[in-house]
């Protein structure tokens, strides 16, 4: 199956922070892949903006090196020269006056004007203010802002207010790359386009839900930043909260940006406060020559968590009594992100099963191999009676939707094209961000006010033993972390 390419309007895209890591790794390679796919109009313009003093040709050479380094295995680089002709560059001072008049002169009056803030959040307000005061942005312009969207409710609110001084909410695209993953979007299709699942998607039939985001790497060079963030701020408040919302939300009246985001907001507001026994925090230990978290963070007294597991309850009719278990951590057994919906076992089994009836599970795999498994019970082949075995009905999106996975766009590709289209469905609204912080803040405040250290855990494990007991107390177990 070949994906259908939907053209977008002509555009000028300005990438602030164009010499940075995100632009090199994701934004420029993603735009190149959209160009090869035929989705970038022939007259589109991509303008890099950063402090570095260089001309257009130097930036094109930098972009060439980045795309060659971070292109996918199946990417065709034969059109790279043609793509680079769309690129230009302006040296700019985000907090001064240098470069802004030149940038204004580069922007064409027609077409879509989008501005990607691939910079530190401390610069968001300065850039927004200058885009407005220099008359570069207009009422039809769009800005893209990367996380973190604040580090607590107060700072998130202040950031939203700052952006709102210069841009309307329908012009602000808060990007979370998890929402651009093919499997995440297919989650909505599976739920709302198939009668098979939606009637069962409630507490009457679902025993529990697990959401796991596991990484094999430590905090590495991000130690100082991460030590002021931790797993709760870095992953749970944004990425995992969004996954939880998509699993738990009510059907929107239409696949419309505000309709979808209204339903996600209702989920966040229905989250019950966590009890002390619902939370497990951990820090990875040293392993041979590999340093532990304290050394990576450069802070021997740190009480910041590199692992967190939570038991979350949603106070509404659909999910009352069905727990959602969330866990994320560094230096775990495998790199994987997945959602596991475990359905309740049949109320009565007619078969002689020594270990009792087993539940069906829907496993939604986000990375590294996107796809879905539905486990069902069948008769084990062969003579000798009715022996049951659990088998997966496997759908790998790479196999089903694209040859070797090369036809599947990266999350950033899809989300940037949605910005150009003006489609905010997969972007967070300001009130969503604030509601998520309002739930998260008391949890973090309790940790910071207490003296308890995170539980130690071995690198290459599934996290602290206490996280296993979090489910064992409920007669459940985590799905094994595996690639």
Protein backbone atom coordinates (compact mmCIF):
# COMPACT_ATOMS: atom_id res chain seq x y z
CA UNK A 1 0.00 0.00 0.00
CA UNK A 2 1.42 3.41 -0.97
CA UNK A 3 0.49 6.46 1.09
CA UNK A 4 -1.42 9.19 -0.73
CA UNK A 5 0.35 12.55 -0.93
CA UNK A 6 -1.93 15.50 -0.19
CA UNK A 7 -0.49 18.78 -1.52
CA UNK A 8 -0.14 21.80 0.76
CA UNK A 9 -0.32 25.51 -0.05
CA UNK A 10 2.77 27.50 -0.91
CA UNK A 11 4.61 28.52 2.25
CA UNK A 12 7.48 30.38 3.87
CA UNK A 13 8.78 28.44 6.88
CA UNK A 14 11.24 30.18 9.19
CA UNK A 15 13.21 27.87 11.51
CA UNK A 16 14.56 29.76 14.52
CA UNK A 17 17.47 27.77 15.92
CA UNK A 18 18.21 26.35 12.47
CA UNK A 19 21.82 25.52 13.41
CA UNK A 20 20.73 23.47 16.44
CA UNK A 21 20.45 19.74 17.05
CA UNK A 22 16.68 19.43 16.52
CA UNK A 23 16.83 21.20 13.18
CA UNK A 24 19.71 18.99 12.04
CA UNK A 25 18.26 15.69 13.27
CA UNK A 26 14.56 16.08 12.59
CA UNK A 27 13.28 19.26 10.95
CA UNK A 28 15.55 19.54 7.90
CA UNK A 29 15.63 15.79 7.12
CA UNK A 30 11.84 15.68 7.56
CA UNK A 31 11.32 18.58 5.17
CA UNK A 32 13.62 16.94 2.64
CA UNK A 33 11.59 13.72 2.76
CA UNK A 34 8.40 15.72 2.15
CA UNK A 35 10.15 17.39 -0.79
CA UNK A 36 11.09 14.01 -2.29
CA UNK A 37 7.49 12.86 -1.79
CA UNK A 38 6.31 15.81 -3.87
CA UNK A 39 4.57 17.62 -1.03
CA UNK A 40 6.71 20.77 -0.92
CA UNK A 41 5.48 23.31 -3.51
CA UNK A 42 7.99 24.37 -6.16
CA UNK A 43 8.10 27.95 -4.85
CA UNK A 44 8.18 27.16 -1.10
CA UNK A 45 10.87 28.89 0.93
CA UNK A 46 12.62 27.54 4.06
CA UNK A 47 14.56 30.20 5.95
CA UNK A 48 17.03 29.30 8.67
CA UNK A 49 17.49 31.87 11.44
CA UNK A 50 20.09 31.71 14.21
CA UNK A 51 22.90 33.71 15.85
CA UNK A 52 25.63 32.19 13.67
CA UNK A 53 26.95 34.65 11.06
CA UNK A 54 26.83 32.89 7.70
CA UNK A 55 25.31 33.30 4.24
CA UNK A 56 22.81 31.19 2.31
CA UNK A 57 25.45 28.92 0.78
CA UNK A 58 27.07 28.15 4.12
CA UNK A 59 23.68 27.23 5.59
CA UNK A 60 22.91 25.03 2.59
CA UNK A 61 26.20 23.21 3.11
CA UNK A 62 25.33 22.75 6.79
CA UNK A 63 21.86 21.46 5.86
CA UNK A 64 23.38 19.08 3.30
CA UNK A 65 25.68 17.56 5.92
CA UNK A 66 22.80 17.22 8.41
CA UNK A 67 20.48 15.53 5.92
CA UNK A 68 23.21 13.15 4.75
CA UNK A 69 24.00 12.23 8.36
CA UNK A 70 20.46 11.80 9.64
CA UNK A 71 18.64 10.54 6.55
CA UNK A 72 16.94 7.18 6.88
CA UNK A 73 18.35 4.03 5.31
CA UNK A 74 15.85 4.13 2.45
CA UNK A 75 16.04 7.85 1.75
CA UNK A 76 16.82 8.91 -1.82
CA UNK A 77 19.45 11.68 -1.73
CA UNK A 78 19.46 12.25 -5.49
CA UNK A 79 17.18 15.31 -5.14
CA UNK A 80 19.19 16.98 -2.38
CA UNK A 81 20.59 19.73 -4.61
CA UNK A 82 17.09 20.65 -5.77
CA UNK A 83 15.85 20.79 -2.18
CA UNK A 84 18.72 22.97 -0.99
CA UNK A 85 17.73 25.66 -3.50
CA UNK A 86 14.64 26.25 -1.37
CA UNK A 87 16.81 27.18 1.63
CA UNK A 88 17.93 30.64 2.72
CA UNK A 89 19.46 32.02 5.90
CA UNK A 90 19.31 35.11 8.09
CA UNK A 91 21.64 35.76 11.03
CA UNK A 92 19.41 37.08 13.79
CA UNK A 93 19.56 38.28 17.39
CA UNK A 94 16.53 36.93 19.22
CA UNK A 95 16.84 39.56 21.95
CA UNK A 96 18.14 42.45 19.87
CA UNK A 97 17.47 44.22 16.59
CA UNK A 98 19.97 42.56 14.27
CA UNK A 99 18.52 40.60 11.37
CA UNK A 100 14.82 41.31 11.82
CA UNK A 101 14.52 43.81 8.96
CA UNK A 102 16.35 41.39 6.67
CA UNK A 103 14.03 38.57 7.72
CA UNK A 104 11.00 40.74 6.98
CA UNK A 105 12.38 41.48 3.51
CA UNK A 106 12.78 37.76 2.82
CA UNK A 107 9.17 36.87 3.68
CA UNK A 108 6.86 36.93 0.68
CA UNK A 109 3.44 38.56 1.12
CA UNK A 110 1.55 35.59 -0.32
CA UNK A 111 1.21 32.06 0.98
CA UNK A 112 1.36 30.52 4.44
CA UNK A 113 3.83 32.01 6.94
CA UNK A 114 4.99 29.59 9.63
CA UNK A 115 7.63 30.18 12.31
CA UNK A 116 9.22 27.22 14.09
CA UNK A 117 10.66 28.09 17.53
CA UNK A 118 13.38 25.41 17.75
CA UNK A 119 15.03 27.35 20.58
CA UNK A 120 15.09 27.44 24.37
CA UNK A 121 11.68 28.34 25.87
CA UNK A 122 13.26 31.43 27.45
CA UNK A 123 13.42 32.91 23.93
CA UNK A 124 9.81 32.22 22.94
CA UNK A 125 8.52 35.55 24.23
CA UNK A 126 11.34 37.58 22.68
CA UNK A 127 10.85 36.02 19.26
CA UNK A 128 7.05 36.33 19.39
CA UNK A 129 7.31 39.99 20.39
CA UNK A 130 9.72 40.81 17.54
CA UNK A 131 7.72 38.95 14.93
CA UNK A 132 4.78 41.16 15.88
CA UNK A 133 6.58 44.48 16.38
CA UNK A 134 8.55 44.24 13.13
CA UNK A 135 5.37 43.40 11.22
CA UNK A 136 6.73 40.03 10.07
CA UNK A 137 3.81 37.95 11.36
CA UNK A 138 0.18 38.68 10.57
CA UNK A 139 -3.18 37.27 11.64
CA UNK A 140 -2.73 34.31 9.29
CA UNK A 141 0.74 33.36 10.54
CA UNK A 142 1.44 30.27 12.64
CA UNK A 143 4.08 29.63 15.28
CA UNK A 144 5.37 26.21 16.37
CA UNK A 145 6.72 25.86 19.92
CA UNK A 146 8.61 22.87 21.29
CA UNK A 147 8.35 21.47 24.81
CA UNK A 148 8.94 22.06 27.65
CA UNK A 149 5.84 24.21 27.93
CA UNK A 150 6.87 25.55 31.32
CA UNK A 151 8.13 23.52 34.27
CA UNK A 152 5.02 23.94 36.44
CA UNK A 153 1.56 25.50 36.25
CA UNK A 154 2.76 29.02 37.00
CA UNK A 155 5.43 29.08 34.30
CA UNK A 156 3.15 27.36 31.75
CA UNK A 157 0.48 29.95 32.42
CA UNK A 158 3.00 32.76 32.06
CA UNK A 159 4.27 31.30 28.76
CA UNK A 160 0.73 31.00 27.41
CA UNK A 161 0.01 34.60 28.41
CA UNK A 162 3.20 35.81 26.74
CA UNK A 163 2.40 34.09 23.45
CA UNK A 164 -1.23 35.24 23.65
CA UNK A 165 -0.08 38.86 23.67
CA UNK A 166 0.99 38.47 20.03
CA UNK A 167 -0.80 35.40 18.63
CA UNK A 168 -4.29 33.95 18.89
CA UNK A 169 -4.69 30.40 20.22
CA UNK A 170 -5.54 29.12 16.73
CA UNK A 171 -2.11 30.37 15.56
CA UNK A 172 -0.10 28.53 18.25
CA UNK A 173 1.02 24.95 17.54
CA UNK A 174 2.49 23.25 20.64
CA UNK A 175 4.24 20.28 19.13
CA UNK A 176 4.53 16.86 20.77
CA UNK A 177 6.17 14.47 18.33
CA UNK A 178 4.50 11.44 19.97
CA UNK A 179 1.17 12.59 18.55
CA UNK A 180 2.62 12.48 15.04
CA UNK A 181 3.43 8.78 15.20
CA UNK A 182 1.44 6.64 12.80
CA UNK A 183 0.36 4.23 15.54
CA UNK A 184 -0.92 7.00 17.81
CA UNK A 185 -3.17 8.30 15.07
CA UNK A 186 -4.24 4.78 14.20
CA UNK A 187 -5.33 4.39 17.80
CA UNK A 188 -8.14 6.84 17.07
CA UNK A 189 -8.98 5.03 13.84
CA UNK A 190 -9.06 1.64 15.58
CA UNK A 191 -11.32 2.97 18.32
CA UNK A 192 -13.72 5.12 16.38
CA UNK A 193 -13.85 3.52 12.92
CA UNK A 194 -14.36 -0.09 14.02
CA UNK A 195 -17.42 -1.43 15.79
CA UNK A 196 -15.23 -4.26 17.07
CA UNK A 197 -13.54 -2.23 19.82
CA UNK A 198 -15.59 0.78 20.88
CA UNK A 199 -18.42 -1.18 22.62
CA UNK A 200 -15.74 -2.92 24.74
CA UNK A 201 -13.73 0.23 25.49
CA UNK A 202 -14.89 0.82 29.05
CA UNK A 203 -14.57 -0.40 32.64
CA UNK A 204 -17.07 -3.21 32.11
CA UNK A 205 -14.73 -5.04 29.73
CA UNK A 206 -11.25 -3.52 30.22
CA UNK A 207 -9.36 -4.82 33.26
CA UNK A 208 -6.52 -2.30 33.11
CA UNK A 209 -4.32 -0.30 30.75
CA UNK A 210 -0.50 -0.05 30.76
CA UNK A 211 1.51 2.70 29.08
CA UNK A 212 5.28 2.14 28.93
CA UNK A 213 7.99 4.41 27.53
CA UNK A 214 11.36 2.76 28.16
CA UNK A 215 14.81 3.93 27.09
CA UNK A 216 18.14 2.14 27.18
CA UNK A 217 20.24 5.31 27.35
CA UNK A 218 20.97 7.37 30.46
CA UNK A 219 20.71 11.12 30.76
CA UNK A 220 24.25 11.46 29.35
CA UNK A 221 25.06 14.98 28.18
CA UNK A 222 21.64 16.22 29.30
CA UNK A 223 22.45 15.57 32.97
CA UNK A 224 22.29 19.14 34.23
CA UNK A 225 19.04 19.88 32.36
CA UNK A 226 17.46 16.56 33.29
CA UNK A 227 18.28 16.95 36.98
CA UNK A 228 16.03 20.02 37.03
CA UNK A 229 13.31 18.12 35.23
CA UNK A 230 13.10 14.39 35.97
CA UNK A 231 10.93 11.73 34.40
CA UNK A 232 7.69 13.29 35.63
CA UNK A 233 8.26 16.63 33.94
CA UNK A 234 10.19 15.26 30.97
CA UNK A 235 7.82 12.45 29.95
CA UNK A 236 4.68 11.99 32.05
CA UNK A 237 3.29 15.52 32.02
CA UNK A 238 3.36 15.73 28.22
CA UNK A 239 4.01 12.60 26.11
CA UNK A 240 2.41 10.03 28.39
CA UNK A 241 -0.44 12.34 29.36
CA UNK A 242 -1.33 12.70 25.70
CA UNK A 243 -1.28 8.93 25.17
CA UNK A 244 -3.50 8.49 28.23
CA UNK A 245 -5.95 11.03 26.85
CA UNK A 246 -6.21 9.33 23.46
CA UNK A 247 -6.85 5.96 25.10
CA UNK A 248 -9.41 7.24 27.60
CA UNK A 249 -11.25 10.08 25.82
CA UNK A 250 -14.87 9.97 24.74
CA UNK A 251 -15.65 9.95 21.01
CA UNK A 252 -15.57 13.54 19.73
CA UNK A 253 -18.56 14.65 17.70
CA UNK A 254 -16.26 15.01 14.67
CA UNK A 255 -12.59 14.60 13.79
CA UNK A 256 -12.09 18.29 14.32
CA UNK A 257 -9.16 19.97 16.16
CA UNK A 258 -11.15 21.55 18.96
CA UNK A 259 -13.58 18.64 19.27
CA UNK A 260 -10.70 16.19 19.81
CA UNK A 261 -8.91 18.51 22.22
CA UNK A 262 -12.11 19.18 24.18
CA UNK A 263 -12.40 15.45 24.89
CA UNK A 264 -8.73 15.14 25.88
CA UNK A 265 -9.14 18.03 28.29
CA UNK A 266 -12.07 16.27 29.97
CA UNK A 267 -9.85 13.26 30.68
CA UNK A 268 -7.14 15.37 32.30
CA UNK A 269 -9.67 17.16 34.47
CA UNK A 270 -11.14 13.80 35.55
CA UNK A 271 -7.81 12.42 36.83
CA UNK A 272 -8.00 11.62 40.53
CA UNK A 273 -5.22 12.84 42.85
CA UNK A 274 -2.59 10.17 43.40
CA UNK A 275 -2.26 8.42 46.74
CA UNK A 276 1.22 7.76 48.25
CA UNK A 277 1.07 4.07 47.38
CA UNK A 278 0.31 4.86 43.73
CA UNK A 279 3.78 6.25 42.98
CA UNK A 280 7.21 4.65 42.53
CA UNK A 281 10.32 6.69 41.74
CA UNK A 282 13.73 5.31 40.83
CA UNK A 283 17.31 6.18 39.89
CA UNK A 284 19.57 3.93 37.83
CA UNK A 285 22.78 2.76 39.47
CA UNK A 286 26.31 2.48 38.12
CA UNK A 287 27.14 -0.63 36.10
CA UNK A 288 30.82 -1.45 35.73
CA UNK A 289 32.40 1.41 33.82
CA UNK A 290 28.99 2.94 33.09
CA UNK A 291 28.16 5.75 35.55
CA UNK A 292 24.96 5.86 37.53
CA UNK A 293 22.41 8.66 37.49
CA UNK A 294 24.10 10.69 40.24
CA UNK A 295 27.37 10.83 38.28
CA UNK A 296 25.58 11.56 34.99
CA UNK A 297 23.66 14.40 36.64
CA UNK A 298 26.79 15.74 38.34
CA UNK A 299 24.88 15.96 41.61
CA UNK A 300 25.67 13.32 44.28
CA UNK A 301 22.73 14.50 46.42
CA UNK A 302 20.15 14.47 43.64
CA UNK A 303 16.66 13.19 44.45
CA UNK A 304 15.49 13.57 40.86
CA UNK A 305 13.89 10.46 39.38
CA UNK A 306 15.12 8.78 36.21
CA UNK A 307 12.21 6.31 36.49
CA UNK A 308 8.61 6.76 37.56
CA UNK A 309 5.64 4.38 37.72
CA UNK A 310 2.12 5.52 38.55
CA UNK A 311 -1.28 4.01 39.14
CA UNK A 312 -3.78 6.48 37.73
CA UNK A 313 -7.55 6.52 38.14
CA UNK A 314 -10.07 8.43 36.04
CA UNK A 315 -13.20 9.62 37.80
CA UNK A 316 -15.84 9.20 35.11
CA UNK A 317 -18.47 6.64 34.15
CA UNK A 318 -16.48 5.04 31.36
CA UNK A 319 -13.37 4.23 33.42
CA UNK A 320 -14.44 4.05 37.07
CA UNK A 321 -12.67 1.04 38.59
CA UNK A 322 -10.21 0.51 35.72
CA UNK A 323 -6.65 1.56 36.64
CA UNK A 324 -4.14 3.00 34.18
CA UNK A 325 -0.53 2.09 34.97
CA UNK A 326 2.15 4.41 33.57
CA UNK A 327 5.91 3.85 33.67
CA UNK A 328 8.88 5.48 32.02
CA UNK A 329 12.59 5.37 32.69
CA UNK A 330 16.17 5.61 31.53
CA UNK A 331 18.69 2.75 31.25
CA UNK A 332 16.01 0.07 31.10
CA UNK A 333 16.11 -3.33 29.39
CA UNK A 334 15.05 -2.20 25.91
CA UNK A 335 13.97 0.86 24.00
CA UNK A 336 10.26 0.55 23.55
CA UNK A 337 7.05 2.56 23.78
CA UNK A 338 3.75 0.75 23.89
CA UNK A 339 0.21 0.79 25.20
CA UNK A 340 -1.34 -2.46 26.46
CA UNK A 341 -5.11 -2.70 26.87
CA UNK A 342 -5.89 -5.83 28.89
CA UNK A 343 -9.48 -7.00 28.64
CA UNK A 344 -11.20 -8.92 31.41
CA UNK A 345 -11.18 -12.70 31.34
CA UNK A 346 -14.39 -14.52 30.41
CA UNK A 347 -16.64 -14.83 33.46
CA UNK A 348 -16.73 -18.62 33.05
CA UNK A 349 -14.44 -20.95 31.11
CA UNK A 350 -15.81 -24.18 29.68
CA UNK A 351 -12.26 -25.47 29.14
CA UNK A 352 -10.01 -27.21 31.64
CA UNK A 353 -7.31 -24.57 32.08
CA UNK A 354 -4.93 -25.25 34.95
CA UNK A 355 -3.82 -21.63 35.13
CA UNK A 356 -7.27 -20.18 34.59
CA UNK A 357 -8.64 -18.31 31.59
CA UNK A 358 -6.28 -15.77 30.05
CA UNK A 359 -7.24 -12.30 28.95
CA UNK A 360 -7.19 -10.82 25.49
CA UNK A 361 -4.72 -7.97 25.07
CA UNK A 362 -4.47 -5.21 22.49
CA UNK A 363 -0.81 -4.12 22.29
CA UNK A 364 -0.22 -0.82 20.50
CA UNK A 365 3.50 -0.52 19.67
CA UNK A 366 4.74 3.04 19.13
CA UNK A 367 8.47 2.35 18.79
CA UNK A 368 10.78 0.98 17.62
CA UNK A 369 8.50 -1.09 15.33
CA UNK A 370 5.12 0.57 14.95
CA UNK A 371 2.14 -1.75 14.84
CA UNK A 372 -0.52 -3.57 16.83
CA UNK A 373 -0.97 -7.06 18.28
CA UNK A 374 -4.26 -8.53 19.43
CA UNK A 375 -3.79 -11.68 21.50
CA UNK A 376 -6.56 -14.25 21.29
CA UNK A 377 -7.03 -17.78 22.58
CA UNK A 378 -7.05 -20.65 20.07
CA UNK A 379 -6.80 -24.43 20.20
CA UNK A 380 -3.22 -25.65 20.21
CA UNK A 381 -2.69 -27.68 16.98
CA UNK A 382 -2.43 -31.44 17.27
CA UNK A 383 -4.32 -34.38 18.72
CA UNK A 384 -4.84 -35.09 22.36
CA UNK A 385 -7.68 -32.95 23.57
CA UNK A 386 -8.62 -29.31 23.74
CA UNK A 387 -5.50 -27.45 24.81
CA UNK A 388 -5.63 -23.66 24.53
CA UNK A 389 -2.77 -21.39 23.55
CA UNK A 390 -2.56 -17.61 23.37
CA UNK A 391 -1.41 -16.23 20.00
CA UNK A 392 -1.04 -12.73 18.60
CA UNK A 393 -2.80 -11.40 15.53
CA UNK A 394 0.08 -9.20 14.38
CA UNK A 395 -0.08 -6.10 12.20
CA UNK A 396 3.23 -4.35 11.57
CA UNK A 397 2.60 -0.98 9.92
CA UNK A 398 5.97 -1.15 8.17
CA UNK A 399 4.86 -4.36 6.44
CA UNK A 400 1.23 -3.45 5.89
CA UNK A 401 1.52 0.20 4.85
CA UNK A 402 4.93 0.69 3.32
CA UNK A 403 7.70 -1.24 1.66
CA UNK A 404 10.27 -1.84 4.41
CA UNK A 405 8.69 1.04 6.29
CA UNK A 406 10.17 3.68 3.97
CA UNK A 407 6.78 5.05 2.93
CA UNK A 408 5.85 5.90 6.50
CA UNK A 409 6.59 9.56 7.29
CA UNK A 410 8.40 10.52 10.45
CA UNK A 411 6.30 12.23 13.13
CA UNK A 412 7.94 15.61 12.50
CA UNK A 413 7.21 15.39 8.77
CA UNK A 414 3.52 14.89 9.40
CA UNK A 415 3.26 17.55 12.09
CA UNK A 416 5.07 20.23 10.08
CA UNK A 417 2.78 19.59 7.13
CA UNK A 418 -0.20 19.88 9.48
CA UNK A 419 1.10 23.31 10.53
CA UNK A 420 1.18 24.39 6.90
CA UNK A 421 -2.37 23.05 6.43
CA UNK A 422 -3.56 24.86 9.55
CA UNK A 423 -4.71 21.61 11.20
CA UNK A 424 -4.27 21.71 15.01
CA UNK A 425 -5.76 18.28 15.79
CA UNK A 426 -2.42 16.75 16.81
CA UNK A 427 -1.18 19.78 18.75
CA UNK A 428 -1.83 20.69 22.38
CA UNK A 429 -4.08 23.57 23.33
CA UNK A 430 -3.08 25.99 26.07
CA UNK A 431 -5.78 24.85 28.50
CA UNK A 432 -4.65 21.21 28.03
CA UNK A 433 -1.11 22.12 29.03
CA UNK A 434 -2.28 24.02 32.09
CA UNK A 435 -4.66 21.25 33.18
CA UNK A 436 -1.85 18.67 32.93
CA UNK A 437 0.41 20.83 35.11
CA UNK A 438 -2.41 21.41 37.60
CA UNK A 439 -2.59 17.62 38.14
CA UNK A 440 1.18 17.09 38.10
CA UNK A 441 2.28 19.98 40.33
CA UNK A 442 1.02 18.59 43.68
CA UNK A 443 2.79 15.27 43.03
CA UNK A 444 6.12 16.96 42.35
CA UNK A 445 5.64 19.34 45.29
CA UNK A 446 5.17 16.37 47.66
CA UNK A 447 8.39 14.80 46.38
CA UNK A 448 10.37 18.00 46.75
CA UNK A 449 9.02 18.64 50.25
CA UNK A 450 9.86 15.11 51.45
CA UNK A 451 13.18 13.49 52.17
CA UNK A 452 12.67 10.08 50.54
CA UNK A 453 15.18 9.21 47.85
CA UNK A 454 14.19 7.42 44.64
CA UNK A 455 14.53 3.64 44.71
CA UNK A 456 17.77 2.35 43.12
CA UNK A 457 17.53 0.02 40.14
CA UNK A 458 20.01 -1.88 37.99
CA UNK A 459 20.66 -0.72 34.42
CA UNK A 460 19.21 -3.18 31.93
CA UNK A 461 16.36 -4.10 34.27
CA UNK A 462 12.66 -3.22 34.22
CA UNK A 463 13.08 -0.61 36.96
CA UNK A 464 12.85 -0.77 40.76
CA UNK A 465 11.34 -3.83 42.41
CA UNK A 466 8.76 -1.57 44.02
CA UNK A 467 7.34 -0.86 40.55
CA UNK A 468 6.68 -4.59 40.13
CA UNK A 469 4.91 -4.66 43.48
CA UNK A 470 2.73 -1.75 42.38
CA UNK A 471 0.93 -4.19 40.09
CA UNK A 472 1.45 -7.35 42.15
CA UNK A 473 -0.62 -5.81 44.93
CA UNK A 474 -3.50 -5.70 42.45
CA UNK A 475 -2.85 -9.29 41.24
CA UNK A 476 -1.55 -7.97 37.94
CA UNK A 477 1.87 -7.80 36.30
CA UNK A 478 3.65 -5.54 33.88
CA UNK A 479 4.09 -6.68 30.32
CA UNK A 480 7.75 -7.57 29.87
CA UNK A 481 9.89 -4.77 28.43
CA UNK A 482 11.30 -6.06 25.17
CA UNK A 483 12.34 -4.63 21.80
